[in-house]
Amino acid sequence: APYASTAKDRPVLTAVCLTLAEPMEVAAADGFRLAVRTLRSGFPGGGGRKVLAPADSVGVLAHLWKLAPPPAEQGEGKSVAELVVSRRPMELQVGGKILRVRFGEVTVWVQLIEGSYPNYVQLIPTGYKSRLTFLVEELTRAVKTVQGMAVDGSGIVRFRYEPGRLTVKAIAAEVGNVETSIPIQLEGEAGWIGFSSKYLLDYLKGREGVIVLELNAPANPGTFIHRGEKVVVMPMFIQGEDKGTP
């Protein structure tokens, strides 16, 4: 939901797209970022139909989900281990322009957004020239270290990657620059690319562990992969540095 657009001129982009298939897939995009996740659950008989749920409604569902107790908590004879690993079942029904979501004693009816969602699959790169593997915590520290200078330089954070190391750098005209580096595992070619510091920190927030970043060229989007979720982020144009390494 955080990746859905807030601009009202394209209503379909303010939605989370749910593909009713086996398995199901959810996606959201705002024109600069695209998030896609394949679920382990399936929707029998969905036939691949796409329904568009407003991102605000998805936020309400998430809030209610956190408040509703799992049915196992009210069961008798449940061990502590069973309570910890128990999962609440969620039932989805689609009829006309309404999505009904039910879990426990909670039922929510969502008014779906009409329209055709863009073919986001074609926006996801199918290959890569460089594949970086690193820790979320390391990159978060590095981006926060240079963020102050990046704010003065259109919010651009530059990545320069080579075997074993990713250098994170920000430059502000007539002020200076700051850089730091983190260890990485690199598969493929060395190179560089620029991203928005805001988009980077938005993406890294709340995540932990290992992240993979697949890249092709400075002008092509990068694909971040974390625990089954793919997030495609458009790069920032760095004037005067399109033919070299920043």
Protein backbone atom coordinates (compact mmCIF):
# COMPACT_ATOMS: atom_id res chain seq x y z
CA ALA A 1 0.00 0.00 0.00
CA PRO A 2 2.75 2.60 0.68
CA TYR A 3 3.79 2.32 -2.97
CA ALA A 4 0.39 3.34 -4.34
CA SER A 5 0.10 6.83 -5.80
CA THR A 6 -1.62 9.66 -3.92
CA ALA A 7 -2.29 11.65 -7.11
CA LYS A 8 -5.99 11.70 -7.98
CA ASP A 9 -5.51 12.28 -11.71
CA ARG A 10 -4.94 8.53 -12.24
CA PRO A 11 -7.34 6.77 -9.84
CA VAL A 12 -6.19 3.26 -10.74
CA LEU A 13 -2.71 4.03 -9.39
CA THR A 14 -4.17 4.95 -5.99
CA ALA A 15 -5.17 1.30 -5.65
CA VAL A 16 -3.50 -1.93 -4.66
CA CYS A 17 -3.94 -4.40 -7.51
CA LEU A 18 -4.85 -7.94 -6.46
CA THR A 19 -4.61 -10.66 -9.10
CA LEU A 20 -7.10 -13.43 -8.32
CA ALA A 21 -5.21 -16.56 -9.26
CA GLU A 22 -3.31 -19.47 -7.75
CA PRO A 23 -1.10 -18.10 -6.31
CA MET A 24 -2.40 -14.58 -5.83
CA GLU A 25 -0.25 -11.55 -6.53
CA VAL A 26 -0.46 -8.02 -5.15
CA ALA A 27 1.10 -4.90 -6.69
CA ALA A 28 1.15 -1.13 -6.29
CA ALA A 29 2.93 1.65 -8.17
CA ASP A 30 3.19 5.44 -8.21
CA GLY A 31 5.07 6.05 -11.46
CA PHE A 32 8.48 6.07 -9.76
CA ARG A 33 8.28 2.84 -7.75
CA LEU A 34 6.60 -0.51 -8.21
CA ALA A 35 6.12 -3.17 -5.51
CA VAL A 36 5.07 -6.73 -6.34
CA ARG A 37 4.59 -9.68 -4.01
CA THR A 38 3.44 -13.22 -4.78
CA LEU A 39 1.37 -14.71 -1.96
CA ARG A 40 1.35 -18.30 -0.80
CA SER A 41 -2.46 -18.20 -0.79
CA GLY A 42 -4.55 -18.84 -3.87
CA PHE A 43 -7.95 -17.69 -5.16
CA PRO A 44 -9.56 -20.74 -6.81
CA GLY A 45 -11.57 -19.86 -9.88
CA GLY A 46 -10.24 -16.32 -10.06
CA GLY A 47 -8.95 -16.81 -13.56
CA GLY A 48 -6.31 -14.10 -13.18
CA ARG A 49 -8.89 -11.33 -12.80
CA LYS A 50 -7.46 -8.10 -11.38
CA VAL A 51 -9.37 -6.13 -8.75
CA LEU A 52 -8.32 -2.70 -7.49
CA ALA A 53 -8.71 -1.99 -3.79
CA PRO A 54 -8.11 1.63 -2.62
CA ALA A 55 -4.84 1.88 -0.71
CA ASP A 56 -6.67 3.70 2.11
CA SER A 57 -8.99 0.70 2.50
CA VAL A 58 -6.00 -1.62 2.62
CA GLY A 59 -4.63 0.52 5.44
CA VAL A 60 -7.89 0.15 7.35
CA LEU A 61 -7.78 -3.62 6.86
CA ALA A 62 -4.24 -3.75 8.19
CA HIS A 63 -5.28 -1.79 11.28
CA LEU A 64 -8.27 -4.05 11.96
CA TRP A 65 -6.16 -7.15 11.39
CA LYS A 66 -3.74 -6.08 14.12
CA LEU A 67 -6.58 -5.44 16.56
CA ALA A 68 -8.52 -8.67 15.96
CA PRO A 69 -7.35 -11.59 18.15
CA PRO A 70 -6.51 -14.89 16.46
CA PRO A 71 -9.28 -17.49 16.97
CA ALA A 72 -6.75 -19.77 18.69
CA GLU A 73 -6.46 -17.32 21.58
CA GLN A 74 -10.04 -18.08 22.50
CA GLY A 75 -9.73 -21.85 22.02
CA GLU A 76 -9.51 -24.40 24.77
CA GLY A 77 -6.63 -26.76 25.35
CA LYS A 78 -4.18 -24.80 23.18
CA SER A 79 -0.52 -24.98 24.10
CA VAL A 80 1.70 -21.89 24.10
CA ALA A 81 3.46 -23.19 20.99
CA GLU A 82 0.16 -23.61 19.16
CA LEU A 83 -0.86 -20.07 20.07
CA VAL A 84 2.42 -18.65 18.78
CA VAL A 85 2.33 -20.38 15.41
CA SER A 86 -1.42 -20.15 14.80
CA ARG A 87 -2.58 -18.12 11.82
CA ARG A 88 -5.91 -16.44 11.31
CA PRO A 89 -7.72 -17.53 8.17
CA MET A 90 -8.93 -14.70 5.90
CA GLU A 91 -11.79 -15.12 3.49
CA LEU A 92 -12.06 -13.02 0.33
CA GLN A 93 -15.17 -12.76 -1.82
CA VAL A 94 -15.59 -10.63 -4.93
CA GLY A 95 -19.00 -9.70 -6.30
CA GLY A 96 -19.52 -6.93 -8.80
CA LYS A 97 -17.69 -3.84 -7.53
CA ILE A 98 -17.35 -5.05 -3.95
CA LEU A 99 -14.58 -6.99 -2.22
CA ARG A 100 -15.65 -8.60 1.03
CA VAL A 101 -12.93 -9.46 3.53
CA ARG A 102 -13.71 -11.52 6.60
CA PHE A 103 -11.48 -12.70 9.45
CA GLY A 104 -12.69 -13.78 12.86
CA GLU A 105 -15.70 -11.67 13.81
CA VAL A 106 -14.65 -8.81 11.53
CA THR A 107 -16.16 -8.27 8.07
CA VAL A 108 -15.20 -5.37 5.81
CA TRP A 109 -16.78 -4.42 2.48
CA VAL A 110 -14.44 -2.55 0.14
CA GLN A 111 -15.70 -0.50 -2.82
CA LEU A 112 -13.38 -1.42 -5.69
CA ILE A 113 -11.92 1.14 -8.08
CA GLU A 114 -13.00 0.74 -11.69
CA GLY A 115 -10.48 0.73 -14.51
CA SER A 116 -7.64 -1.25 -16.04
CA TYR A 117 -4.39 -1.47 -14.10
CA PRO A 118 -1.19 -0.94 -16.12
CA ASN A 119 0.67 -4.05 -17.23
CA TYR A 120 3.29 -3.78 -14.52
CA VAL A 121 4.90 -7.12 -15.40
CA GLN A 122 6.55 -5.55 -18.44
CA LEU A 123 8.15 -2.93 -16.18
CA ILE A 124 10.03 -5.51 -14.13
CA PRO A 125 13.52 -6.15 -15.56
CA THR A 126 13.90 -9.78 -16.60
CA GLY A 127 17.67 -9.92 -16.29
CA TYR A 128 20.61 -8.08 -14.82
CA LYS A 129 24.24 -7.23 -15.46
CA SER A 130 25.06 -6.69 -11.81
CA ARG A 131 23.63 -8.34 -8.69
CA LEU A 132 24.47 -6.85 -5.29
CA THR A 133 23.82 -8.64 -1.99
CA PHE A 134 24.11 -6.73 1.29
CA LEU A 135 22.55 -6.20 4.71
CA VAL A 136 19.63 -3.82 5.22
CA GLU A 137 21.20 -2.38 8.35
CA GLU A 138 24.48 -1.58 6.56
CA LEU A 139 22.80 0.27 3.68
CA THR A 140 20.46 2.14 6.03
CA ARG A 141 23.42 3.40 8.03
CA ALA A 142 25.26 4.46 4.86
CA VAL A 143 22.29 6.33 3.34
CA LYS A 144 21.58 8.14 6.62
CA THR A 145 25.24 9.13 6.83
CA VAL A 146 25.12 10.96 3.48
CA GLN A 147 21.46 12.04 3.59
CA GLY A 148 22.16 15.55 4.88
CA MET A 149 24.32 16.37 1.88
CA ALA A 150 21.88 14.63 -0.48
CA VAL A 151 19.08 16.98 0.63
CA ASP A 152 21.19 19.85 -0.68
CA GLY A 153 21.81 18.03 -3.95
CA SER A 154 18.29 17.22 -5.19
CA GLY A 155 18.12 14.22 -2.88
CA ILE A 156 20.39 12.08 -5.06
CA VAL A 157 22.44 9.32 -3.48
CA ARG A 158 25.06 7.78 -5.75
CA PHE A 159 25.99 4.11 -5.63
CA ARG A 160 29.37 2.99 -6.97
CA TYR A 161 29.74 -0.76 -6.75
CA GLU A 162 32.73 -3.04 -7.28
CA PRO A 163 33.73 -6.48 -6.01
CA GLY A 164 33.37 -6.53 -2.23
CA ARG A 165 32.34 -2.89 -1.76
CA LEU A 166 29.50 -0.43 -2.37
CA THR A 167 30.40 3.25 -2.01
CA VAL A 168 27.46 5.50 -1.12
CA LYS A 169 28.01 9.16 -1.94
CA ALA A 170 26.14 12.48 -1.96
CA ILE A 171 27.24 15.76 -3.55
CA ALA A 172 25.92 19.27 -2.94
CA ALA A 173 26.98 21.98 -5.38
CA GLU A 174 29.28 24.60 -3.85
CA VAL A 175 29.19 22.75 -0.53
CA GLY A 176 31.09 19.51 -0.97
CA ASN A 177 30.48 15.81 -0.79
CA VAL A 178 30.39 12.97 1.67
CA GLU A 179 30.75 9.24 1.12
CA THR A 180 30.92 5.99 3.01
CA SER A 181 31.08 2.34 2.01
CA ILE A 182 29.61 -1.02 3.00
CA PRO A 183 30.63 -4.59 2.23
CA ILE A 184 28.69 -6.37 -0.52
CA GLN A 185 28.78 -9.49 -2.59
CA LEU A 186 28.84 -8.60 -6.28
CA GLU A 187 27.85 -10.90 -9.09
CA GLY A 188 28.54 -9.46 -12.54
CA GLU A 189 29.87 -6.08 -13.60
CA ALA A 190 31.03 -3.12 -11.52
CA GLY A 191 29.20 0.17 -12.14
CA TRP A 192 27.18 3.02 -10.69
CA ILE A 193 23.65 4.39 -10.37
CA GLY A 194 21.79 7.18 -8.55
CA PHE A 195 18.65 6.89 -6.40
CA SER A 196 16.44 9.25 -4.41
CA SER A 197 17.52 9.20 -0.75
CA LYS A 198 13.85 9.46 0.28
CA TYR A 199 12.83 6.44 -1.77
CA LEU A 200 15.77 4.45 -0.43
CA LEU A 201 14.95 5.16 3.21
CA ASP A 202 11.23 4.57 2.62
CA TYR A 203 12.08 1.17 1.19
CA LEU A 204 14.57 0.17 3.90
CA LYS A 205 12.35 1.18 6.82
CA GLY A 206 11.07 -1.80 8.77
CA ARG A 207 13.14 -4.35 6.86
CA GLU A 208 15.99 -6.43 8.19
CA GLY A 209 18.42 -9.04 6.99
CA VAL A 210 19.67 -9.58 3.46
CA ILE A 211 18.60 -7.56 0.41
CA VAL A 212 19.46 -8.18 -3.23
CA LEU A 213 19.68 -5.34 -5.77
CA GLU A 214 19.68 -6.20 -9.47
CA LEU A 215 20.94 -3.56 -11.93
CA ASN A 216 21.55 -3.16 -15.65
CA ALA A 217 22.63 0.42 -16.39
CA PRO A 218 22.54 3.89 -14.73
CA ALA A 219 19.45 4.86 -16.74
CA ASN A 220 17.54 1.62 -16.06
CA PRO A 221 15.45 0.87 -12.96
CA GLY A 222 16.88 -1.18 -10.13
CA THR A 223 15.07 -4.17 -8.63
CA PHE A 224 15.28 -4.63 -4.86
CA ILE A 225 14.39 -8.14 -3.65
CA HIS A 226 13.61 -8.95 -0.01
CA ARG A 227 11.82 -12.05 1.27
CA GLY A 228 9.82 -12.67 -1.88
CA GLU A 229 8.86 -9.05 -2.53
CA LYS A 230 10.21 -7.17 -5.54
CA VAL A 231 10.36 -3.39 -5.56
CA VAL A 232 11.40 -1.65 -8.78
CA VAL A 233 12.77 1.86 -8.27
CA MET A 234 13.47 4.35 -11.05
CA PRO A 235 16.97 5.88 -10.98
CA MET A 236 17.79 9.58 -10.62
CA PHE A 237 19.36 11.31 -13.60
CA ILE A 238 22.82 12.64 -12.79
CA GLN A 239 23.64 15.42 -15.26
CA GLY A 240 27.11 15.30 -16.75
CA GLU A 241 27.86 11.88 -15.33
CA ASP A 242 25.94 9.68 -17.75
CA LYS A 243 29.09 8.42 -19.44
CA GLY A 244 31.35 7.99 -16.46
CA THR A 245 31.50 6.95 -12.85
CA PRO A 246 30.34 9.58 -10.30
